[in-house]
């Protein structure tokens, strides 16, 4: 997701409503979520964005702002370091509790979104 977002482009994602991807897109207001298999929904989303330059620009800007505020390389590296230290049990304390599920950690999980 970060490649399109960094370019200021809106998303059309065919993903489950309860997925982490859908959650981020809704929080960031950077695109349209369509249920898997909903071909008419994809068509409608494409046509909606094609015919609405202000919506495309707003979603693209929102995505870029969300990326910059929540998903920096430094934040992700720090989160992974904490997880690796916790898994290794090397005695390096985490700066904060490590969540059990990736959905609980911002910026960790599906990086190819």
Protein backbone atom coordinates (compact mmCIF):
# COMPACT_ATOMS: atom_id res chain seq x y z
CA UNK A 1 0.00 0.00 0.00
CA UNK A 2 2.76 2.42 0.81
CA UNK A 3 4.02 2.74 -2.80
CA UNK A 4 0.72 4.06 -4.14
CA UNK A 5 0.10 6.09 -1.01
CA UNK A 6 3.50 7.76 -1.21
CA UNK A 7 2.63 8.80 -4.77
CA UNK A 8 -0.63 10.37 -3.59
CA UNK A 9 -2.89 7.91 -5.42
CA UNK A 10 -6.24 6.62 -4.10
CA UNK A 11 -6.83 2.90 -3.56
CA UNK A 12 -9.49 0.54 -4.73
CA UNK A 13 -9.01 -2.59 -2.66
CA UNK A 14 -10.90 -5.84 -3.09
CA UNK A 15 -10.47 -7.14 0.46
CA UNK A 16 -12.58 -8.45 3.33
CA UNK A 17 -14.38 -5.71 5.27
CA UNK A 18 -12.72 -6.81 8.51
CA UNK A 19 -9.18 -6.97 7.09
CA UNK A 20 -6.32 -4.80 8.25
CA UNK A 21 -6.10 -3.33 4.76
CA UNK A 22 -9.75 -2.25 4.80
CA UNK A 23 -9.31 -0.80 8.27
CA UNK A 24 -6.32 1.32 7.22
CA UNK A 25 -8.04 2.54 4.06
CA UNK A 26 -11.08 3.60 6.10
CA UNK A 27 -9.00 5.26 8.83
CA UNK A 28 -6.89 7.11 6.29
CA UNK A 29 -9.85 7.89 4.01
CA UNK A 30 -7.55 7.09 1.10
CA UNK A 31 -9.64 4.83 -1.10
CA UNK A 32 -12.59 2.54 -1.64
CA UNK A 33 -12.99 -0.94 -0.16
CA UNK A 34 -14.86 -3.52 -2.24
CA UNK A 35 -15.84 -7.00 -1.03
CA UNK A 36 -13.95 -9.91 -2.63
CA UNK A 37 -15.69 -11.11 -5.76
CA UNK A 38 -17.78 -7.96 -6.14
CA UNK A 39 -17.06 -7.24 -9.78
CA UNK A 40 -19.79 -4.63 -10.03
CA UNK A 41 -18.38 -2.95 -6.91
CA UNK A 42 -14.95 -2.67 -8.55
CA UNK A 43 -16.53 -1.26 -11.70
CA UNK A 44 -18.51 1.26 -9.68
CA UNK A 45 -15.42 2.30 -7.69
CA UNK A 46 -13.34 2.79 -10.84
CA UNK A 47 -16.06 4.86 -12.49
CA UNK A 48 -16.60 6.89 -9.30
CA UNK A 49 -12.93 7.82 -9.11
CA UNK A 50 -12.60 8.30 -12.87
CA UNK A 51 -15.36 10.88 -12.86
CA UNK A 52 -14.41 12.68 -9.67
CA UNK A 53 -11.01 14.38 -9.70
CA UNK A 54 -11.57 16.14 -6.33
CA UNK A 55 -12.29 12.77 -4.63
CA UNK A 56 -9.18 11.22 -6.23
CA UNK A 57 -7.03 14.13 -5.10
CA UNK A 58 -8.47 14.13 -1.56
CA UNK A 59 -8.02 10.38 -1.14
CA UNK A 60 -4.49 10.58 -2.53
CA UNK A 61 -3.60 13.43 -0.16
CA UNK A 62 -5.20 11.62 2.78
CA UNK A 63 -3.20 8.49 2.04
CA UNK A 64 0.05 10.41 1.80
CA UNK A 65 -0.64 12.19 5.10
CA UNK A 66 -1.52 8.89 6.81
CA UNK A 67 1.64 7.25 5.51
CA UNK A 68 3.84 10.09 6.71
CA UNK A 69 2.21 10.17 10.14
CA UNK A 70 1.88 6.45 10.83
CA UNK A 71 4.07 4.25 8.70
CA UNK A 72 7.59 5.58 8.58
CA UNK A 73 10.50 3.22 7.97
CA UNK A 74 11.94 4.19 11.35
CA UNK A 75 8.73 3.27 13.19
CA UNK A 76 8.45 -0.06 11.41
CA UNK A 77 12.09 -0.96 12.05
CA UNK A 78 11.71 -0.12 15.75
CA UNK A 79 8.58 -2.29 16.00
CA UNK A 80 10.30 -5.23 14.30
CA UNK A 81 13.37 -4.87 16.52
CA UNK A 82 11.15 -5.09 19.59
CA UNK A 83 9.37 -8.16 18.26
CA UNK A 84 12.67 -9.89 17.37
CA UNK A 85 14.17 -9.15 20.80
CA UNK A 86 11.04 -10.45 22.50
CA UNK A 87 11.08 -13.63 20.42
CA UNK A 88 14.80 -14.15 20.95
CA UNK A 89 14.43 -13.74 24.70
CA UNK A 90 17.79 -11.98 24.75
CA UNK A 91 16.95 -9.88 27.77
CA UNK A 92 16.54 -6.63 25.85
CA UNK A 93 13.37 -5.10 27.26
CA UNK A 94 10.72 -3.82 24.90
CA UNK A 95 9.93 -0.13 25.13
CA UNK A 96 6.26 -1.04 25.39
CA UNK A 97 4.22 -4.26 25.51
CA UNK A 98 4.44 -6.32 22.33
CA UNK A 99 0.94 -7.04 20.92
CA UNK A 100 0.05 -10.64 20.27
CA UNK A 101 -1.61 -9.90 16.92
CA UNK A 102 -0.18 -7.78 14.11
CA UNK A 103 -3.48 -5.87 13.85
CA UNK A 104 -2.73 -4.41 17.27
CA UNK A 105 0.51 -2.81 16.13
CA UNK A 106 0.30 0.16 13.77
CA UNK A 107 2.50 -0.27 10.73
CA UNK A 108 3.16 -3.97 11.34
CA UNK A 109 1.62 -6.63 9.24
CA UNK A 110 0.70 -6.36 5.57
CA UNK A 111 3.37 -4.08 4.20
CA UNK A 112 2.70 -4.85 0.57
CA UNK A 113 -0.74 -3.30 0.75
